[in-house]
Amino acid sequence: MDDCGSRATPPITITARAMAISASRARSSTCSTRGTEVRLFSNFAEAMNGVPDSIVERQLGLFARVDPAYGPGARAALGTSAP
């Protein structure tokens, strides 16, 4: 508990299956365009600025498991190569 007496919120667990369903829906959406993907990867790269490499690599691995294009797309936005 913090000084105000409230309880900490537990972290949200998102399974690989839930991410796969979300990615599948995004791909099948008529609103999904190349511009949307570019914004998604750019937002990810911006959010990962300053995050330890081990965490970034773990997230990229999850993206690759969800959708074969997500991992490489996010990695390209970061400007890194595979370890």
PDB file of N, CA and C in Angstrom:
ATOM      1  N   MET A   1       0.825  -1.190   0.000  1.00  0.00           N
ATOM      2  CA  MET A   1       0.000   0.000   0.000  1.00  0.00           C
ATOM      3  C   MET A   1       0.868   1.252   0.000  1.00  0.00           C
ATOM      4  N   ASP A   2       0.365   2.293  -0.656  1.00  0.00           N
ATOM      5  CA  ASP A   2       1.103   3.546  -0.631  1.00  0.00           C
ATOM      6  C   ASP A   2       0.618   4.409   0.535  1.00  0.00           C
ATOM      7  N   ASP A   3       1.098   5.631   0.616  1.00  0.00           N
ATOM      8  CA  ASP A   3       0.759   6.517   1.724  1.00  0.00           C
ATOM      9  C   ASP A   3      -0.725   6.825   1.808  1.00  0.00           C
ATOM     10  N   CYS A   4      -1.438   6.727   0.707  1.00  0.00           N
ATOM     11  CA  CYS A   4      -2.860   7.048   0.694  1.00  0.00           C
ATOM     12  C   CYS A   4      -3.723   5.854   1.085  1.00  0.00           C
ATOM     13  N   GLY A   5      -3.121   4.698   1.265  1.00  0.00           N
ATOM     14  CA  GLY A   5      -3.864   3.512   1.672  1.00  0.00           C
ATOM     15  C   GLY A   5      -4.467   2.730   0.522  1.00  0.00           C
ATOM     16  N   SER A   6      -4.201   3.129  -0.719  1.00  0.00           N
ATOM     17  CA  SER A   6      -4.761   2.381  -1.837  1.00  0.00           C
ATOM     18  C   SER A   6      -3.865   1.189  -2.163  1.00  0.00           C
ATOM     19  N   ARG A   7      -4.438   0.226  -2.834  1.00  0.00           N
ATOM     20  CA  ARG A   7      -3.683  -0.969  -3.209  1.00  0.00           C
ATOM     21  C   ARG A   7      -3.104  -0.809  -4.597  1.00  0.00           C
ATOM     22  N   ALA A   8      -1.966  -1.429  -4.801  1.00  0.00           N
ATOM     23  CA  ALA A   8      -1.342  -1.390  -6.123  1.00  0.00           C
ATOM     24  C   ALA A   8      -2.159  -2.222  -7.092  1.00  0.00           C
ATOM     25  N   THR A   9      -2.235  -1.770  -8.319  1.00  0.00           N
ATOM     26  CA  THR A   9      -2.950  -2.494  -9.349  1.00  0.00           C
ATOM     27  C   THR A   9      -2.030  -3.570  -9.916  1.00  0.00           C
ATOM     28  N   PRO A  10      -2.511  -4.824  -9.985  1.00  0.00           N
ATOM     29  CA  PRO A  10      -1.655  -5.878 -10.536  1.00  0.00           C
ATOM     30  C   PRO A  10      -1.417  -5.642 -12.022  1.00  0.00           C
ATOM     31  N   PRO A  11      -0.294  -6.117 -12.551  1.00  0.00           N
ATOM     32  CA  PRO A  11      -0.028  -5.939 -13.980  1.00  0.00           C
ATOM     33  C   PRO A  11      -1.030  -6.727 -14.821  1.00  0.00           C
ATOM     34  N   ILE A  12      -1.291  -6.228 -16.001  1.00  0.00           N
ATOM     35  CA  ILE A  12      -2.203  -6.909 -16.925  1.00  0.00           C
ATOM     36  C   ILE A  12      -1.396  -7.941 -17.698  1.00  0.00           C
ATOM     37  N   THR A  13      -1.896  -9.159 -17.740  1.00  0.00           N
ATOM     38  CA  THR A  13      -1.240 -10.219 -18.490  1.00  0.00           C
ATOM     39  C   THR A  13      -1.965 -10.383 -19.814  1.00  0.00           C
ATOM     40  N   ILE A  14      -1.217 -10.232 -20.899  1.00  0.00           N
ATOM     41  CA  ILE A  14      -1.777 -10.423 -22.235  1.00  0.00           C
ATOM     42  C   ILE A  14      -1.105 -11.645 -22.831  1.00  0.00           C
ATOM     43  N   THR A  15      -1.893 -12.642 -23.134  1.00  0.00           N
ATOM     44  CA  THR A  15      -1.341 -13.884 -23.663  1.00  0.00           C
ATOM     45  C   THR A  15      -0.992 -13.736 -25.146  1.00  0.00           C
ATOM     46  N   ALA A  16      -0.123 -14.607 -25.597  1.00  0.00           N
ATOM     47  CA  ALA A  16       0.245 -14.620 -27.012  1.00  0.00           C
ATOM     48  C   ALA A  16      -0.988 -14.887 -27.870  1.00  0.00           C
ATOM     49  N   ARG A  17      -1.895 -15.701 -27.378  1.00  0.00           N
ATOM     50  CA  ARG A  17      -3.129 -16.012 -28.123  1.00  0.00           C
ATOM     51  C   ARG A  17      -3.980 -14.754 -28.300  1.00  0.00           C
ATOM     52  N   ALA A  18      -4.115 -13.960 -27.231  1.00  0.00           N
ATOM     53  CA  ALA A  18      -4.891 -12.727 -27.327  1.00  0.00           C
ATOM     54  C   ALA A  18      -4.240 -11.758 -28.303  1.00  0.00           C
ATOM     55  N   MET A  19      -2.910 -11.688 -28.292  1.00  0.00           N
ATOM     56  CA  MET A  19      -2.207 -10.812 -29.219  1.00  0.00           C
ATOM     57  C   MET A  19      -2.394 -11.294 -30.653  1.00  0.00           C
ATOM     58  N   ALA A  20      -2.400 -12.608 -30.853  1.00  0.00           N
ATOM     59  CA  ALA A  20      -2.578 -13.169 -32.192  1.00  0.00           C
ATOM     60  C   ALA A  20      -3.961 -12.846 -32.733  1.00  0.00           C
ATOM     61  N   ILE A  21      -4.969 -12.946 -31.878  1.00  0.00           N
ATOM     62  CA  ILE A  21      -6.335 -12.619 -32.296  1.00  0.00           C
ATOM     63  C   ILE A  21      -6.416 -11.152 -32.681  1.00  0.00           C
ATOM     64  N   SER A  22      -5.826 -10.294 -31.876  1.00  0.00           N
ATOM     65  CA  SER A  22      -5.834  -8.868 -32.157  1.00  0.00           C
ATOM     66  C   SER A  22      -5.122  -8.561 -33.474  1.00  0.00           C
ATOM     67  N   ALA A  23      -3.974  -9.186 -33.695  1.00  0.00           N
ATOM     68  CA  ALA A  23      -3.221  -8.969 -34.932  1.00  0.00           C
ATOM     69  C   ALA A  23      -4.012  -9.460 -36.134  1.00  0.00           C
ATOM     70  N   SER A  24      -4.677 -10.603 -35.985  1.00  0.00           N
ATOM     71  CA  SER A  24      -5.471 -11.155 -37.073  1.00  0.00           C
ATOM     72  C   SER A  24      -6.615 -10.216 -37.432  1.00  0.00           C
ATOM     73  N   ARG A  25      -7.265  -9.685 -36.427  1.00  0.00           N
ATOM     74  CA  ARG A  25      -8.364  -8.739 -36.674  1.00  0.00           C
ATOM     75  C   ARG A  25      -7.854  -7.469 -37.333  1.00  0.00           C
ATOM     76  N   ALA A  26      -6.704  -7.007 -36.915  1.00  0.00           N
ATOM     77  CA  ALA A  26      -6.140  -5.789 -37.503  1.00  0.00           C
ATOM     78  C   ALA A  26      -5.813  -6.002 -38.974  1.00  0.00           C
ATOM     79  N   ARG A  27      -5.274  -7.189 -39.306  1.00  0.00           N
ATOM     80  CA  ARG A  27      -4.928  -7.482 -40.698  1.00  0.00           C
ATOM     81  C   ARG A  27      -6.172  -7.578 -41.568  1.00  0.00           C
ATOM     82  N   SER A  28      -7.258  -8.115 -41.013  1.00  0.00           N
ATOM     83  CA  SER A  28      -8.454  -8.325 -41.819  1.00  0.00           C
ATOM     84  C   SER A  28      -9.330  -7.079 -41.888  1.00  0.00           C
ATOM     85  N   SER A  29      -9.033  -6.084 -41.096  1.00  0.00           N
ATOM     86  CA  SER A  29      -9.816  -4.860 -41.084  1.00  0.00           C
ATOM     87  C   SER A  29      -9.609  -4.088 -42.376  1.00  0.00           C
ATOM     88  N   THR A  30     -10.688  -3.519 -42.906  1.00  0.00           N
ATOM     89  CA  THR A  30     -10.549  -2.707 -44.108  1.00  0.00           C
ATOM     90  C   THR A  30      -9.834  -1.401 -43.808  1.00  0.00           C
ATOM     91  N   CYS A  31      -9.735  -1.039 -42.531  1.00  0.00           N
ATOM     92  CA  CYS A  31      -9.049   0.190 -42.148  1.00  0.00           C
ATOM     93  C   CYS A  31      -7.541  -0.010 -42.023  1.00  0.00           C
ATOM     94  N   SER A  32      -7.077  -1.244 -42.052  1.00  0.00           N
ATOM     95  CA  SER A  32      -5.657  -1.520 -41.897  1.00  0.00           C
ATOM     96  C   SER A  32      -4.936  -1.208 -43.198  1.00  0.00           C
ATOM     97  N   THR A  33      -4.043  -0.244 -43.138  1.00  0.00           N
ATOM     98  CA  THR A  33      -3.301   0.158 -44.328  1.00  0.00           C
ATOM     99  C   THR A  33      -1.814   0.179 -43.999  1.00  0.00           C
ATOM    100  N   ARG A  34      -1.012   0.376 -45.007  1.00  0.00           N
ATOM    101  CA  ARG A  34       0.430   0.484 -44.800  1.00  0.00           C
ATOM    102  C   ARG A  34       0.743   1.669 -43.884  1.00  0.00           C
ATOM    103  N   GLY A  35       0.013   2.761 -44.037  1.00  0.00           N
ATOM    104  CA  GLY A  35       0.217   3.922 -43.172  1.00  0.00           C
ATOM    105  C   GLY A  35      -0.061   3.610 -41.718  1.00  0.00           C
ATOM    106  N   THR A  36      -1.065   2.787 -41.476  1.00  0.00           N
ATOM    107  CA  THR A  36      -1.392   2.379 -40.111  1.00  0.00           C
ATOM    108  C   THR A  36      -0.256   1.570 -39.527  1.00  0.00           C
ATOM    109  N   GLU A  37       0.307   0.650 -40.316  1.00  0.00           N
ATOM    110  CA  GLU A  37       1.434  -0.163 -39.849  1.00  0.00           C
ATOM    111  C   GLU A  37       2.646   0.704 -39.544  1.00  0.00           C
ATOM    112  N   VAL A  38       2.916   1.668 -40.401  1.00  0.00           N
ATOM    113  CA  VAL A  38       4.060   2.557 -40.190  1.00  0.00           C
ATOM    114  C   VAL A  38       3.879   3.325 -38.880  1.00  0.00           C
ATOM    115  N   ARG A  39       2.675   3.837 -38.631  1.00  0.00           N
ATOM    116  CA  ARG A  39       2.405   4.555 -37.376  1.00  0.00           C
ATOM    117  C   ARG A  39       2.537   3.636 -36.176  1.00  0.00           C
ATOM    118  N   LEU A  40       2.049   2.407 -36.306  1.00  0.00           N
ATOM    119  CA  LEU A  40       2.150   1.438 -35.212  1.00  0.00           C
ATOM    120  C   LEU A  40       3.616   1.189 -34.860  1.00  0.00           C
ATOM    121  N   PHE A  41       4.430   0.915 -35.862  1.00  0.00           N
ATOM    122  CA  PHE A  41       5.840   0.627 -35.616  1.00  0.00           C
ATOM    123  C   PHE A  41       6.582   1.868 -35.117  1.00  0.00           C
ATOM    124  N   SER A  42       6.237   3.027 -35.648  1.00  0.00           N
ATOM    125  CA  SER A  42       6.869   4.264 -35.184  1.00  0.00           C
ATOM    126  C   SER A  42       6.521   4.541 -33.721  1.00  0.00           C
ATOM    127  N   ASN A  43       5.257   4.333 -33.354  1.00  0.00           N
ATOM    128  CA  ASN A  43       4.843   4.531 -31.967  1.00  0.00           C
ATOM    129  C   ASN A  43       5.572   3.562 -31.036  1.00  0.00           C
ATOM    130  N   PHE A  44       5.713   2.320 -31.484  1.00  0.00           N
ATOM    131  CA  PHE A  44       6.433   1.333 -30.686  1.00  0.00           C
ATOM    132  C   PHE A  44       7.880   1.773 -30.482  1.00  0.00           C
ATOM    133  N   ALA A  45       8.534   2.181 -31.566  1.00  0.00           N
ATOM    134  CA  ALA A  45       9.937   2.585 -31.486  1.00  0.00           C
ATOM    135  C   ALA A  45      10.098   3.775 -30.544  1.00  0.00           C
ATOM    136  N   GLU A  46       9.191   4.718 -30.622  1.00  0.00           N
ATOM    137  CA  GLU A  46       9.253   5.886 -29.737  1.00  0.00           C
ATOM    138  C   GLU A  46       9.059   5.474 -28.279  1.00  0.00           C
ATOM    139  N   ALA A  47       8.121   4.562 -28.034  1.00  0.00           N
ATOM    140  CA  ALA A  47       7.846   4.115 -26.665  1.00  0.00           C
ATOM    141  C   ALA A  47       9.007   3.317 -26.084  1.00  0.00           C
ATOM    142  N   MET A  48       9.788   2.657 -26.932  1.00  0.00           N
ATOM    143  CA  MET A  48      10.898   1.837 -26.460  1.00  0.00           C
ATOM    144  C   MET A  48      12.185   2.635 -26.248  1.00  0.00           C
ATOM    145  N   ASN A  49      12.156   3.920 -26.551  1.00  0.00           N
ATOM    146  CA  ASN A  49      13.332   4.760 -26.361  1.00  0.00           C
ATOM    147  C   ASN A  49      13.763   4.737 -24.893  1.00  0.00           C
ATOM    148  N   GLY A  50      14.992   4.312 -24.646  1.00  0.00           N
ATOM    149  CA  GLY A  50      15.516   4.270 -23.285  1.00  0.00           C
ATOM    150  C   GLY A  50      15.231   2.986 -22.523  1.00  0.00           C
ATOM    151  N   VAL A  51      14.491   2.055 -23.127  1.00  0.00           N
ATOM    152  CA  VAL A  51      14.169   0.782 -22.482  1.00  0.00           C
ATOM    153  C   VAL A  51      15.372  -0.151 -22.648  1.00  0.00           C
ATOM    154  N   PRO A  52      15.730  -0.907 -21.606  1.00  0.00           N
ATOM    155  CA  PRO A  52      16.871  -1.833 -21.719  1.00  0.00           C
ATOM    156  C   PRO A  52      16.718  -2.799 -22.901  1.00  0.00           C
ATOM    157  N   ASP A  53      17.839  -3.082 -23.554  1.00  0.00           N
ATOM    158  CA  ASP A  53      17.837  -3.952 -24.737  1.00  0.00           C
ATOM    159  C   ASP A  53      17.187  -5.301 -24.486  1.00  0.00           C
ATOM    160  N   SER A  54      17.389  -5.869 -23.307  1.00  0.00           N
ATOM    161  CA  SER A  54      16.821  -7.197 -23.027  1.00  0.00           C
ATOM    162  C   SER A  54      15.288  -7.161 -23.077  1.00  0.00           C
ATOM    163  N   ILE A  55      14.709  -6.068 -22.621  1.00  0.00           N
ATOM    164  CA  ILE A  55      13.247  -5.941 -22.644  1.00  0.00           C
ATOM    165  C   ILE A  55      12.767  -5.717 -24.073  1.00  0.00           C
ATOM    166  N   VAL A  56      13.475  -4.900 -24.824  1.00  0.00           N
ATOM    167  CA  VAL A  56      13.112  -4.655 -26.220  1.00  0.00           C
ATOM    168  C   VAL A  56      13.169  -5.966 -27.001  1.00  0.00           C
ATOM    169  N   GLU A  57      14.229  -6.741 -26.816  1.00  0.00           N
ATOM    170  CA  GLU A  57      14.362  -8.021 -27.527  1.00  0.00           C
ATOM    171  C   GLU A  57      13.247  -8.990 -27.154  1.00  0.00           C
ATOM    172  N   ARG A  58      12.877  -9.010 -25.877  1.00  0.00           N
ATOM    173  CA  ARG A  58      11.782  -9.887 -25.449  1.00  0.00           C
ATOM    174  C   ARG A  58      10.481  -9.473 -26.137  1.00  0.00           C
ATOM    175  N   GLN A  59      10.222  -8.163 -26.208  1.00  0.00           N
ATOM    176  CA  GLN A  59       8.999  -7.685 -26.850  1.00  0.00           C
ATOM    177  C   GLN A  59       8.999  -7.986 -28.341  1.00  0.00           C
ATOM    178  N   LEU A  60      10.144  -7.807 -28.986  1.00  0.00           N
ATOM    179  CA  LEU A  60      10.234  -8.125 -30.409  1.00  0.00           C
ATOM    180  C   LEU A  60       9.973  -9.609 -30.653  1.00  0.00           C
ATOM    181  N   GLY A  61      10.449 -10.451 -29.747  1.00  0.00           N
ATOM    182  CA  GLY A  61      10.183 -11.888 -29.851  1.00  0.00           C
ATOM    183  C   GLY A  61       8.703 -12.200 -29.751  1.00  0.00           C
ATOM    184  N   LEU A  62       8.016 -11.500 -28.848  1.00  0.00           N
ATOM    185  CA  LEU A  62       6.566 -11.688 -28.727  1.00  0.00           C
ATOM    186  C   LEU A  62       5.853 -11.225 -29.989  1.00  0.00           C
ATOM    187  N   PHE A  63       6.279 -10.094 -30.522  1.00  0.00           N
ATOM    188  CA  PHE A  63       5.667  -9.615 -31.764  1.00  0.00           C
ATOM    189  C   PHE A  63       5.842 -10.631 -32.883  1.00  0.00           C
ATOM    190  N   ALA A  64       7.013 -11.211 -33.002  1.00  0.00           N
ATOM    191  CA  ALA A  64       7.272 -12.196 -34.052  1.00  0.00           C
ATOM    192  C   ALA A  64       6.405 -13.441 -33.878  1.00  0.00           C
ATOM    193  N   ARG A  65       6.124 -13.806 -32.633  1.00  0.00           N
ATOM    194  CA  ARG A  65       5.254 -14.967 -32.383  1.00  0.00           C
ATOM    195  C   ARG A  65       3.816 -14.674 -32.767  1.00  0.00           C
ATOM    196  N   VAL A  66       3.392 -13.446 -32.582  1.00  0.00           N
ATOM    197  CA  VAL A  66       2.013 -13.063 -32.878  1.00  0.00           C
ATOM    198  C   VAL A  66       1.783 -12.970 -34.379  1.00  0.00           C
ATOM    199  N   ASP A  67       2.702 -12.322 -35.063  1.00  0.00           N
ATOM    200  CA  ASP A  67       2.552 -12.126 -36.503  1.00  0.00           C
ATOM    201  C   ASP A  67       3.945 -12.033 -37.106  1.00  0.00           C
ATOM    202  N   PRO A  68       4.246 -12.856 -38.100  1.00  0.00           N
ATOM    203  CA  PRO A  68       5.589 -12.863 -38.674  1.00  0.00           C
ATOM    204  C   PRO A  68       6.061 -11.495 -39.189  1.00  0.00           C
ATOM    205  N   ALA A  69       5.144 -10.613 -39.539  1.00  0.00           N
ATOM    206  CA  ALA A  69       5.537  -9.291 -40.049  1.00  0.00           C
ATOM    207  C   ALA A  69       5.755  -8.276 -38.926  1.00  0.00           C
ATOM    208  N   TYR A  70       5.171  -8.505 -37.771  1.00  0.00           N
ATOM    209  CA  TYR A  70       5.256  -7.516 -36.690  1.00  0.00           C
ATOM    210  C   TYR A  70       6.664  -7.406 -36.114  1.00  0.00           C
ATOM    211  N   GLY A  71       7.301  -8.521 -35.861  1.00  0.00           N
ATOM    212  CA  GLY A  71       8.645  -8.485 -35.294  1.00  0.00           C
ATOM    213  C   GLY A  71       9.622  -7.730 -36.184  1.00  0.00           C
ATOM    214  N   PRO A  72       9.739  -8.119 -37.455  1.00  0.00           N
ATOM    215  CA  PRO A  72      10.649  -7.401 -38.349  1.00  0.00           C
ATOM    216  C   PRO A  72      10.253  -5.937 -38.567  1.00  0.00           C
ATOM    217  N   GLY A  73       8.960  -5.649 -38.615  1.00  0.00           N
ATOM    218  CA  GLY A  73       8.518  -4.266 -38.805  1.00  0.00           C
ATOM    219  C   GLY A  73       8.901  -3.388 -37.624  1.00  0.00           C
ATOM    220  N   ALA A  74       8.698  -3.906 -36.422  1.00  0.00           N
ATOM    221  CA  ALA A  74       9.064  -3.160 -35.222  1.00  0.00           C
ATOM    222  C   ALA A  74      10.576  -3.021 -35.129  1.00  0.00           C
ATOM    223  N   ARG A  75      11.294  -4.083 -35.467  1.00  0.00           N
ATOM    224  CA  ARG A  75      12.766  -4.037 -35.426  1.00  0.00           C
ATOM    225  C   ARG A  75      13.290  -3.000 -36.420  1.00  0.00           C
ATOM    226  N   ALA A  76      12.707  -2.947 -37.599  1.00  0.00           N
ATOM    227  CA  ALA A  76      13.137  -1.967 -38.598  1.00  0.00           C
ATOM    228  C   ALA A  76      12.883  -0.543 -38.099  1.00  0.00           C
ATOM    229  N   ALA A  77      11.750  -0.324 -37.446  1.00  0.00           N
ATOM    230  CA  ALA A  77      11.435   1.004 -36.911  1.00  0.00           C
ATOM    231  C   ALA A  77      12.454   1.411 -35.840  1.00  0.00           C
ATOM    232  N   LEU A  78      12.965   0.423 -35.100  1.00  0.00           N
ATOM    233  CA  LEU A  78      13.968   0.705 -34.085  1.00  0.00           C
ATOM    234  C   LEU A  78      15.338   0.934 -34.698  1.00  0.00           C
ATOM    235  N   GLY A  79      15.520   0.467 -35.930  1.00  0.00           N
ATOM    236  CA  GLY A  79      16.817   0.586 -36.588  1.00  0.00           C
ATOM    237  C   GLY A  79      17.846  -0.379 -36.054  1.00  0.00           C
ATOM    238  N   THR A  80      17.376  -1.542 -35.582  1.00  0.00           N
ATOM    239  CA  THR A  80      18.291  -2.560 -35.062  1.00  0.00           C
ATOM    240  C   THR A  80      18.238  -3.799 -35.911  1.00  0.00           C
ATOM    241  N   SER A  81      19.246  -4.644 -35.772  1.00  0.00           N
ATOM    242  CA  SER A  81      19.254  -5.922 -36.467  1.00  0.00           C
ATOM    243  C   SER A  81      19.043  -7.040 -35.452  1.00  0.00           C
ATOM    244  N   ALA A  82      18.668  -8.192 -35.948  1.00  0.00           N
ATOM    245  CA  ALA A  82      18.411  -9.338 -35.064  1.00  0.00           C
ATOM    246  C   ALA A  82      19.698  -9.710 -34.333  1.00  0.00           C
ATOM    247  N   PRO A  83      19.554 -10.129 -33.062  1.00  0.00           N
ATOM    248  CA  PRO A  83      20.753 -10.494 -32.278  1.00  0.00           C
ATOM    249  C   PRO A  83      21.422 -11.754 -32.805  1.00  0.00           C
TER     250      PRO A  83
END
